[in-house]
Each structure stands twice: as structure tokens, then as C-alpha cells.
Amino acid sequence: MGLQAFTHIERNVTAIRKQMEAAAVRAGRNPEDVKLIAVTKSVGPPQVEALYACGVRFFGENRLPGVADKQAVTPRDTAEWRMVGHLQRRKARDVVELFDGVDSIDRLKLAETLQRRCEEQERQLRVLLEVNVSGEPNKYGLAPGEVEGMLAAIRPLDRLSVEGVMTMAPLADDPEEVRPVFTRLRELAEGLGLPERSMGMSNDFEVAIEEGATQVRIGTALFG
């Protein structure tokens, strides 16, 4: 990667972190309580290496092809990789081998498959339950009313540590339009005693932070 390309990513990381900090301060929150998850599905190892050099330590991927090459440029003991996309059960073995966490648990059979693969590989996995707060038919995820039952069903799976919930808000020109989605997820997480709330992407992460996001998933804004 050339110096100009690295500088571009470095500038974007700095700008996003400033926006994150400002949003947290507006909400009376500690900026350190919000993690930047860099979504790297559209870039290769050089961009991942640049992100790591800029201090990014949390990475999200939507699919398996190519992820091992990206992980190879980040130290495994200091970088955390999370599967943030919809996951098919037949890919569970590879996901358990490659990832530290799965942020898209939306059905019990998937959780049970991940539990078995973790047992085989003597691994632990941090997971989030995906919630379709907006109720859009084209999105994956549990309905809000299903989360408590799913949480109870998954808790006996001792290889999976359920840390919180995740949602994807509808696309909107004005981020204010999706504020109620983020509010609902926060309220749901708080009611269930779950500390992690993964919500907010490149176009709406500031509103998500104001509403209680502990993780924001940023892709386009890092590389555009």
C-alpha cells in the first residue's frame, strides 16, 4: 500500500474516532465505552494492515473467503475478529476456527451447531443475538419478543458466551429517522441485563452512540 492510501485511511480513522467521541460526550457517556469495529469485507490485507497500524483492534467480516489472509497481517493475540454477517450452519466449523465472536445468532440450531464445533476444537466463542428491531421482512434476526426465550435456550450452551444484541437499522437519508430502532435495542438489552449493543454503521453511528451503542460497525466511512 502506498503512502497516500495509508494516509487516507489514517485520516478517516482519526475523523471517525473524533465523531464517536463527540457523540458519546453529547450523550454523557465515556467515549472509551464504545468500540470501533472495522468491517473489512470490501478491502484486502493491505488495508487491514493499515487499520491495525492506526490503532484499530476490532475487525468484522461478513463472509469467509479471504478472511484468513486478512487475519494474517494482524497479531492474533491483540486483534479481535468477529463474524458480523448471516451465518449458515455448514460453515460453523470454519467460523469457530477463524473468529473470536459471532454477532449474528438468530436461531437456536445455529447456536447448537456452534456449540458442537467449539467442543470439537476446544474453543470458546463470544456471541451476540441478532434482532430485527425494525421488522423488515428482508432482514435476518429475531423479533424483539423472541429474544428472551432465545437467551434462555442458549445459556446452557457453555461454549458460547452471550454478551449482547445486534441490529441493523433501515437505510435512511436522515439518521434521526432510525433513532427509535436504536432506542428499542438499548431498552431490550438493558431489560435482559446484556452489556453489549452492536448498532450503527457508517451513515448513522453517531445517533447509535447517542442511544447507547457499545459497538459500531464501520466500513464505507473508513475507506471512502
Protein backbone atom coordinates (compact mmCIF):
# COMPACT_ATOMS: atom_id res chain seq x y z
CA MET A 1 0.00 0.00 0.00
CA GLY A 2 1.32 3.43 -0.94
CA LEU A 3 1.82 6.27 1.49
CA GLN A 4 -1.09 8.23 0.03
CA ALA A 5 -3.52 5.33 0.52
CA PHE A 6 -2.30 4.77 4.09
CA THR A 7 -2.66 8.47 4.88
CA HIS A 8 -6.22 8.39 3.54
CA ILE A 9 -7.18 5.54 5.88
CA GLU A 10 -5.36 7.17 8.78
CA ARG A 11 -7.26 10.41 8.20
CA ASN A 12 -10.59 8.53 8.06
CA VAL A 13 -9.87 6.62 11.27
CA THR A 14 -8.99 9.84 13.06
CA ALA A 15 -12.14 11.59 11.83
CA ILE A 16 -14.41 8.69 12.79
CA ARG A 17 -12.91 8.44 16.26
CA LYS A 18 -13.49 12.17 16.78
CA GLN A 19 -17.11 11.78 15.69
CA MET A 20 -17.53 8.81 18.01
CA GLU A 21 -16.06 10.74 20.93
CA ALA A 22 -18.26 13.76 20.28
CA ALA A 23 -21.40 11.61 20.10
CA ALA A 24 -20.53 9.89 23.36
CA VAL A 25 -19.88 13.20 25.10
CA ARG A 26 -23.21 14.58 23.87
CA ALA A 27 -24.92 11.60 25.49
CA GLY A 28 -22.96 11.96 28.73
CA ARG A 29 -21.10 8.73 28.08
CA ASN A 30 -17.45 7.71 28.33
CA PRO A 31 -16.07 7.51 24.75
CA GLU A 32 -13.91 4.57 25.81
CA ASP A 33 -17.08 2.52 26.29
CA VAL A 34 -17.69 2.40 22.51
CA LYS A 35 -15.68 0.08 20.26
CA LEU A 36 -14.96 0.72 16.60
CA ILE A 37 -15.50 -2.49 14.62
CA ALA A 38 -13.85 -2.10 11.21
CA VAL A 39 -15.84 -4.04 8.62
CA THR A 40 -13.32 -5.22 6.04
CA LYS A 41 -15.44 -7.16 3.54
CA SER A 42 -14.64 -4.77 0.68
CA VAL A 43 -10.87 -4.49 1.18
CA GLY A 44 -7.79 -6.69 1.32
CA PRO A 45 -4.84 -7.36 3.66
CA PRO A 46 -3.01 -4.07 2.93
CA GLN A 47 -5.98 -2.02 4.13
CA VAL A 48 -6.39 -4.24 7.19
CA GLU A 49 -2.71 -3.83 8.00
CA ALA A 50 -3.10 -0.06 7.69
CA LEU A 51 -6.09 -0.08 10.05
CA TYR A 52 -4.12 -2.04 12.61
CA ALA A 53 -1.23 0.42 12.31
CA CYS A 54 -3.75 3.20 13.04
CA GLY A 55 -4.74 1.53 16.30
CA VAL A 56 -7.82 -0.40 15.18
CA ARG A 57 -8.07 -3.68 17.08
CA PHE A 58 -11.58 -4.96 16.31
CA PHE A 59 -12.47 -6.28 12.87
CA GLY A 60 -15.71 -7.59 11.39
CA GLU A 61 -16.23 -9.79 8.34
CA ASN A 62 -19.41 -10.80 6.52
CA ARG A 63 -18.03 -13.87 4.78
CA LEU A 64 -15.29 -16.47 4.97
CA PRO A 65 -13.39 -16.27 1.63
CA GLY A 66 -10.18 -14.30 2.04
CA VAL A 67 -10.51 -13.70 5.76
CA ALA A 68 -7.50 -15.84 6.70
CA ASP A 69 -5.23 -13.68 4.53
CA LYS A 70 -6.52 -10.55 6.27
CA GLN A 71 -6.09 -12.08 9.71
CA ALA A 72 -2.51 -13.00 8.85
CA VAL A 73 -1.48 -9.32 8.92
CA THR A 74 -2.89 -8.72 12.42
CA PRO A 75 -1.43 -10.34 15.57
CA ARG A 76 -3.91 -12.92 16.85
CA ASP A 77 -3.26 -12.05 20.48
CA THR A 78 -4.17 -8.35 20.11
CA ALA A 79 -6.67 -8.25 17.23
CA GLU A 80 -10.25 -9.50 17.62
CA TRP A 81 -12.15 -10.81 14.61
CA ARG A 82 -15.94 -11.11 14.60
CA MET A 83 -18.32 -12.68 12.10
CA VAL A 84 -20.95 -9.99 11.55
CA GLY A 85 -22.81 -11.46 8.57
CA HIS A 86 -25.57 -14.05 8.28
CA LEU A 87 -24.09 -17.47 9.01
CA GLN A 88 -25.02 -20.84 7.53
CA ARG A 89 -24.64 -23.83 9.84
CA ARG A 90 -22.44 -25.72 7.38
CA LYS A 91 -19.80 -23.01 7.79
CA ALA A 92 -19.75 -23.20 11.57
CA ARG A 93 -16.57 -25.28 11.79
CA ASP A 94 -14.53 -22.72 9.82
CA VAL A 95 -16.05 -19.81 11.73
CA VAL A 96 -15.12 -21.34 15.08
CA GLU A 97 -11.58 -21.88 13.85
CA LEU A 98 -11.12 -18.37 12.47
CA PHE A 99 -13.21 -16.00 14.57
CA ASP A 100 -13.33 -14.83 18.16
CA GLY A 101 -17.01 -13.99 18.08
CA VAL A 102 -20.23 -14.26 16.08
CA ASP A 103 -22.56 -11.26 16.10
CA SER A 104 -25.42 -12.76 14.09
CA ILE A 105 -27.01 -15.54 16.14
CA ASP A 106 -30.62 -15.63 15.00
CA ARG A 107 -31.75 -19.22 15.60
CA LEU A 108 -31.20 -21.96 18.15
CA LYS A 109 -30.00 -24.60 15.68
CA LEU A 110 -27.13 -22.33 14.64
CA ALA A 111 -26.13 -21.83 18.27
CA GLU A 112 -26.24 -25.58 18.90
CA THR A 113 -24.05 -26.23 15.86
CA LEU A 114 -21.53 -23.64 17.00
CA GLN A 115 -21.51 -25.26 20.45
CA ARG A 116 -20.62 -28.64 18.93
CA ARG A 117 -17.87 -27.18 16.76
CA CYS A 118 -16.45 -25.33 19.77
CA GLU A 119 -16.39 -28.58 21.73
CA GLU A 120 -14.54 -30.30 18.88
CA GLN A 121 -11.93 -27.54 18.69
CA GLU A 122 -11.80 -26.81 22.43
CA ARG A 123 -12.76 -23.21 21.76
CA GLN A 124 -14.95 -20.57 23.41
CA LEU A 125 -16.95 -18.09 21.34
CA ARG A 126 -18.37 -14.70 22.25
CA VAL A 127 -21.74 -14.13 20.59
CA LEU A 128 -24.43 -11.52 20.06
CA LEU A 129 -28.08 -12.20 19.29
CA GLU A 130 -29.23 -10.53 16.07
CA VAL A 131 -32.52 -8.68 16.48
CA ASN A 132 -34.69 -7.41 13.63
CA VAL A 133 -35.97 -4.42 15.57
CA SER A 134 -37.45 -2.70 12.52
CA GLY A 135 -39.38 -5.80 11.46
CA GLU A 136 -38.21 -5.57 7.85
CA PRO A 137 -39.05 -8.81 6.00
CA ASN A 138 -35.78 -8.77 4.05
CA LYS A 139 -33.62 -8.75 7.18
CA TYR A 140 -32.47 -11.65 9.34
CA GLY A 141 -32.83 -11.63 13.08
CA LEU A 142 -35.10 -12.43 15.97
CA ALA A 143 -38.21 -10.41 16.65
CA PRO A 144 -37.76 -8.39 19.86
CA GLY A 145 -40.30 -10.58 21.63
CA GLU A 146 -38.28 -13.71 20.83
CA VAL A 147 -35.01 -12.57 22.37
CA GLU A 148 -35.71 -13.51 25.98
CA GLY A 149 -36.70 -17.06 25.03
CA MET A 150 -33.66 -17.46 22.78
CA LEU A 151 -31.40 -16.20 25.54
CA ALA A 152 -32.80 -18.78 27.95
CA ALA A 153 -32.35 -21.55 25.36
CA ILE A 154 -28.74 -20.62 24.60
CA ARG A 155 -27.48 -20.09 28.13
CA PRO A 156 -26.94 -23.83 28.79
CA LEU A 157 -24.52 -23.91 25.81
CA ASP A 158 -21.37 -23.43 27.84
CA ARG A 159 -19.03 -22.82 24.90
CA LEU A 160 -20.99 -19.73 23.88
CA SER A 161 -20.86 -16.54 25.92
CA VAL A 162 -23.85 -14.33 25.07
CA GLU A 163 -22.61 -10.77 25.53
CA GLY A 164 -25.41 -8.75 24.00
CA VAL A 165 -27.51 -7.93 20.96
CA MET A 166 -27.02 -6.57 17.47
CA THR A 167 -29.31 -4.90 14.95
CA MET A 168 -29.19 -3.30 11.52
CA ALA A 169 -31.33 -0.21 11.15
CA PRO A 170 -33.18 0.59 7.91
CA LEU A 171 -31.33 2.75 5.43
CA ALA A 172 -32.43 6.37 5.77
CA ASP A 173 -31.22 9.69 4.39
CA ASP A 174 -31.76 11.24 7.82
CA PRO A 175 -30.22 9.19 10.68
CA GLU A 176 -32.79 10.70 13.04
CA GLU A 177 -35.41 8.53 11.36
CA VAL A 178 -33.82 5.37 12.77
CA ARG A 179 -33.16 6.66 16.28
CA PRO A 180 -36.19 4.70 17.64
CA VAL A 181 -34.62 1.45 16.38
CA PHE A 182 -31.50 2.08 18.43
CA THR A 183 -33.52 3.16 21.45
CA ARG A 184 -35.53 -0.07 21.30
CA LEU A 185 -32.42 -2.25 21.14
CA ARG A 186 -30.86 -0.48 24.11
CA GLU A 187 -34.02 -0.89 26.14
CA LEU A 188 -34.18 -4.56 25.21
CA ALA A 189 -30.55 -5.16 26.19
CA GLU A 190 -30.94 -3.32 29.47
CA GLY A 191 -34.08 -5.27 30.33
CA LEU A 192 -32.25 -8.55 29.81
CA GLY A 193 -29.05 -7.47 31.57
CA LEU A 194 -26.92 -7.71 28.41
CA PRO A 195 -23.99 -5.26 28.32
CA GLU A 196 -23.15 -5.18 24.60
CA ARG A 197 -25.21 -3.35 21.98
CA SER A 198 -23.84 -3.52 18.43
CA MET A 199 -25.70 -0.96 16.35
CA GLY A 200 -24.87 1.85 13.98
CA MET A 201 -22.97 1.85 10.70
CA SER A 202 -21.22 4.44 8.54
CA ASN A 203 -24.33 6.54 7.92
CA ASP A 204 -25.89 6.52 11.39
CA PHE A 205 -23.28 5.58 14.01
CA GLU A 206 -23.38 8.92 15.82
CA VAL A 207 -27.10 8.57 16.56
CA ALA A 208 -26.49 4.95 17.60
CA ILE A 209 -23.84 6.04 20.09
CA GLU A 210 -26.15 8.71 21.48
CA GLU A 211 -28.71 5.93 22.04
CA GLY A 212 -26.31 3.58 23.80
CA ALA A 213 -24.27 1.64 21.24
CA THR A 214 -21.24 -0.09 22.72
CA GLN A 215 -20.03 -1.25 19.30
CA VAL A 216 -20.37 0.47 15.91
CA ARG A 217 -19.66 -1.36 12.67
CA ILE A 218 -17.93 0.95 10.16
CA GLY A 219 -16.88 0.02 6.64
CA THR A 220 -17.59 2.59 3.93
CA ALA A 221 -16.54 5.59 6.00
CA LEU A 222 -13.12 4.06 6.64
CA PHE A 223 -12.22 3.55 3.01
CA GLY A 224 -14.31 6.03 1.02
